[in-house]
Amino acid sequence: MTNHKLIISQGKRPLWKTLITAIFFTMMFVEIWGTLLMLFDFKITEDVLKSAARSLGPIAHWFACGLAVGILKSISIDTEKDILITTYFIGPFSKDVISTIPELQYVAVFKDANELHQVNLWYKGNKRYNMFTFEDAEPAFIFAKTVCVKLKLDLLDATERGNNKWIEAVKA
């Protein structure tokens, strides 16, 4: 790893999330299996096709629930090569989304409507990249300060509405 690279990972998925994700995807496959059995066991009629089409909703529901609970995200920023790689993991599968690094401005920590602490990387104009969400302020600020030091950016504390404060990140 060079001095110009920052890798941010959500870490390991807790066991309870893994189990819930497995249940959601199992339910999806049970629904698919039932639909396929129905299609092959019965004569294909209009009623059978309508019933199979109705099963698409529950299949999509279980799939979406599995993704929502089970997805992990990793971000890699390489300022030397000017690329930002976001990797999404679900089980053994992963998908890389590669983009060029826009003109980075600052990192901000704020509270959303659910009282969770969001850490955003602001860039070019008024655009932002939501990096991660934390339940508590302390880990959010530790994370944000690490990003600021590594990318040589300023840190904005926007946790109190109307009372934004610039915080000096301790230089490493």
Protein backbone atom coordinates (compact mmCIF):
# COMPACT_ATOMS: atom_id res chain seq x y z
CA MET A 1 0.00 0.00 0.00
CA THR A 2 1.33 3.42 -0.93
CA ASN A 3 1.03 6.57 1.16
CA HIS A 4 -1.54 7.80 -1.33
CA LYS A 5 -4.08 5.04 -0.74
CA LEU A 6 -6.96 4.94 1.72
CA ILE A 7 -8.98 1.75 2.20
CA ILE A 8 -12.16 1.87 4.23
CA SER A 9 -14.03 -1.31 5.07
CA GLN A 10 -17.11 -2.06 7.15
CA GLY A 11 -15.30 -5.02 8.62
CA LYS A 12 -16.83 -8.41 9.30
CA ARG A 13 -20.55 -8.96 9.17
CA PRO A 14 -22.02 -9.96 12.57
CA LEU A 15 -23.33 -13.53 12.84
CA TRP A 16 -26.93 -12.41 13.37
CA LYS A 17 -26.87 -10.44 10.10
CA THR A 18 -25.44 -13.44 8.28
CA LEU A 19 -28.24 -15.64 9.63
CA ILE A 20 -30.98 -13.18 8.74
CA THR A 21 -29.51 -12.72 5.26
CA ALA A 22 -29.43 -16.50 4.80
CA ILE A 23 -33.09 -16.72 5.85
CA PHE A 24 -34.14 -14.03 3.36
CA PHE A 25 -32.30 -15.66 0.47
CA THR A 26 -33.58 -19.11 1.48
CA MET A 27 -37.14 -17.77 1.38
CA MET A 28 -36.45 -16.34 -2.07
CA PHE A 29 -35.20 -19.71 -3.34
CA VAL A 30 -38.16 -21.53 -1.75
CA GLU A 31 -40.50 -19.18 -3.62
CA ILE A 32 -38.61 -19.73 -6.89
CA TRP A 33 -38.64 -23.51 -6.34
CA GLY A 34 -42.38 -23.51 -5.65
CA THR A 35 -43.04 -21.46 -8.77
CA LEU A 36 -40.92 -23.77 -10.94
CA LEU A 37 -42.63 -26.88 -9.50
CA MET A 38 -46.02 -25.36 -10.22
CA LEU A 39 -45.02 -24.57 -13.81
CA PHE A 40 -43.66 -28.07 -14.48
CA ASP A 41 -46.23 -30.11 -12.53
CA PHE A 42 -49.35 -28.52 -13.96
CA LYS A 43 -50.48 -28.00 -17.47
CA ILE A 44 -49.53 -24.48 -18.44
CA THR A 45 -52.78 -22.57 -18.41
CA GLU A 46 -53.66 -18.93 -17.99
CA ASP A 47 -54.33 -19.44 -14.24
CA VAL A 48 -50.96 -21.15 -13.70
CA LEU A 49 -49.15 -18.32 -15.52
CA LYS A 50 -51.02 -15.70 -13.46
CA SER A 51 -50.06 -17.53 -10.27
CA ALA A 52 -46.42 -17.69 -11.40
CA ALA A 53 -46.47 -13.96 -12.19
CA ARG A 54 -47.90 -13.23 -8.71
CA SER A 55 -44.92 -15.03 -7.15
CA LEU A 56 -42.51 -12.49 -8.71
CA GLY A 57 -43.46 -9.92 -6.03
CA PRO A 58 -42.48 -12.12 -3.06
CA ILE A 59 -39.31 -13.23 -4.88
CA ALA A 60 -38.29 -9.59 -5.41
CA HIS A 61 -39.22 -8.78 -1.79
CA TRP A 62 -37.03 -11.55 -0.30
CA PHE A 63 -34.18 -10.63 -2.64
CA ALA A 64 -34.35 -6.93 -1.67
CA CYS A 65 -34.48 -7.79 2.05
CA GLY A 66 -31.45 -10.07 1.67
CA LEU A 67 -29.48 -7.33 -0.09
CA ALA A 68 -30.49 -4.66 2.42
CA VAL A 69 -29.32 -6.69 5.41
CA GLY A 70 -26.40 -8.59 3.91
CA ILE A 71 -24.49 -6.13 1.75
CA LEU A 72 -21.07 -4.91 2.88
CA LYS A 73 -19.23 -1.98 1.34
CA SER A 74 -15.52 -1.26 1.00
CA ILE A 75 -14.05 1.96 -0.39
CA SER A 76 -10.56 2.38 -1.78
CA ILE A 77 -9.26 5.84 -2.69
CA ASP A 78 -5.99 6.01 -4.57
CA THR A 79 -4.96 9.65 -5.00
CA GLU A 80 -1.84 8.67 -6.91
CA LYS A 81 -3.85 6.99 -9.68
CA ASP A 82 -6.83 9.33 -9.20
CA ILE A 83 -9.39 6.52 -8.77
CA LEU A 84 -12.11 5.69 -6.28
CA ILE A 85 -13.18 2.04 -6.07
CA THR A 86 -16.35 1.08 -4.20
CA THR A 87 -16.71 -2.67 -3.70
CA TYR A 88 -20.04 -4.19 -2.66
CA PHE A 89 -19.98 -7.68 -1.10
CA ILE A 90 -22.84 -10.08 -0.59
CA GLY A 91 -21.68 -13.51 0.53
CA PRO A 92 -18.95 -14.74 -1.83
CA PHE A 93 -19.98 -12.30 -4.58
CA SER A 94 -18.56 -8.82 -5.09
CA LYS A 95 -19.00 -5.94 -7.50
CA ASP A 96 -16.45 -3.15 -8.04
CA VAL A 97 -17.62 0.30 -9.07
CA ILE A 98 -14.62 2.30 -10.32
CA SER A 99 -14.73 6.04 -10.84
CA THR A 100 -12.28 8.91 -11.02
CA ILE A 101 -11.80 10.96 -7.89
CA PRO A 102 -13.59 14.28 -8.24
CA GLU A 103 -12.16 17.47 -6.74
CA LEU A 104 -12.42 16.65 -3.02
CA GLN A 105 -13.39 19.50 -0.69
CA TYR A 106 -14.01 18.32 2.88
CA VAL A 107 -15.45 15.61 5.13
CA ALA A 108 -18.61 16.28 7.14
CA VAL A 109 -20.27 14.47 10.04
CA PHE A 110 -23.96 15.12 10.60
CA LYS A 111 -27.02 13.56 12.24
CA ASP A 112 -29.78 12.32 9.96
CA ALA A 113 -33.51 12.13 10.72
CA ASN A 114 -32.98 8.81 12.55
CA GLU A 115 -30.34 10.36 14.85
CA LEU A 116 -27.61 8.32 13.14
CA HIS A 117 -24.25 9.93 12.37
CA GLN A 118 -23.49 10.10 8.66
CA VAL A 119 -19.96 10.67 7.36
CA ASN A 120 -19.91 12.30 3.93
CA LEU A 121 -17.07 13.16 1.59
CA TRP A 122 -17.99 16.41 -0.16
CA TYR A 123 -16.64 17.17 -3.60
CA LYS A 124 -16.92 19.52 -6.57
CA GLY A 125 -19.76 21.94 -6.01
CA ASN A 126 -22.48 20.69 -3.70
CA LYS A 127 -22.13 16.94 -4.26
CA ARG A 128 -21.36 14.34 -1.63
CA TYR A 129 -20.41 10.71 -1.31
CA ASN A 130 -21.99 9.03 1.70
CA MET A 131 -19.18 6.97 3.17
CA PHE A 132 -20.68 5.33 6.27
CA THR A 133 -23.30 5.59 9.00
CA PHE A 134 -22.57 5.23 12.71
CA GLU A 135 -24.90 4.98 15.68
CA ASP A 136 -22.59 6.97 17.98
CA ALA A 137 -20.73 10.22 17.42
CA GLU A 138 -17.31 9.10 18.71
CA PRO A 139 -16.59 6.38 16.11
CA ALA A 140 -17.99 8.64 13.38
CA PHE A 141 -15.54 11.42 14.28
CA ILE A 142 -12.60 9.02 14.65
CA PHE A 143 -13.35 7.66 11.19
CA ALA A 144 -13.86 11.14 9.71
CA LYS A 145 -10.59 12.44 11.21
CA THR A 146 -8.69 9.46 9.78
CA VAL A 147 -10.09 10.18 6.33
CA CYS A 148 -9.26 13.89 6.68
CA VAL A 149 -5.65 13.22 7.66
CA LYS A 150 -5.14 10.66 4.90
CA LEU A 151 -6.69 12.84 2.17
CA LYS A 152 -5.49 16.18 3.60
CA LEU A 153 -9.02 17.60 3.89
CA ASP A 154 -10.90 19.72 6.43
CA LEU A 155 -13.52 18.28 8.80
CA LEU A 156 -16.93 19.86 9.36
CA ASP A 157 -18.98 19.02 12.47
CA ALA A 158 -22.56 19.48 11.31
CA THR A 159 -24.20 17.41 14.06
CA GLU A 160 -26.05 20.45 15.46
CA ARG A 161 -28.41 22.05 12.97
CA GLY A 162 -27.42 25.67 12.33
CA ASN A 163 -24.21 25.38 14.37
CA ASN A 164 -21.61 23.97 12.00
CA LYS A 165 -18.02 23.94 13.29
CA TRP A 166 -14.77 23.26 11.51
CA ILE A 167 -12.58 20.81 13.41
CA GLU A 168 -8.87 20.54 12.94
CA ALA A 169 -7.93 16.95 12.24
CA VAL A 170 -4.73 16.00 14.04
CA LYS A 171 -2.06 15.57 11.41
CA ALA A 172 -0.27 12.23 11.48
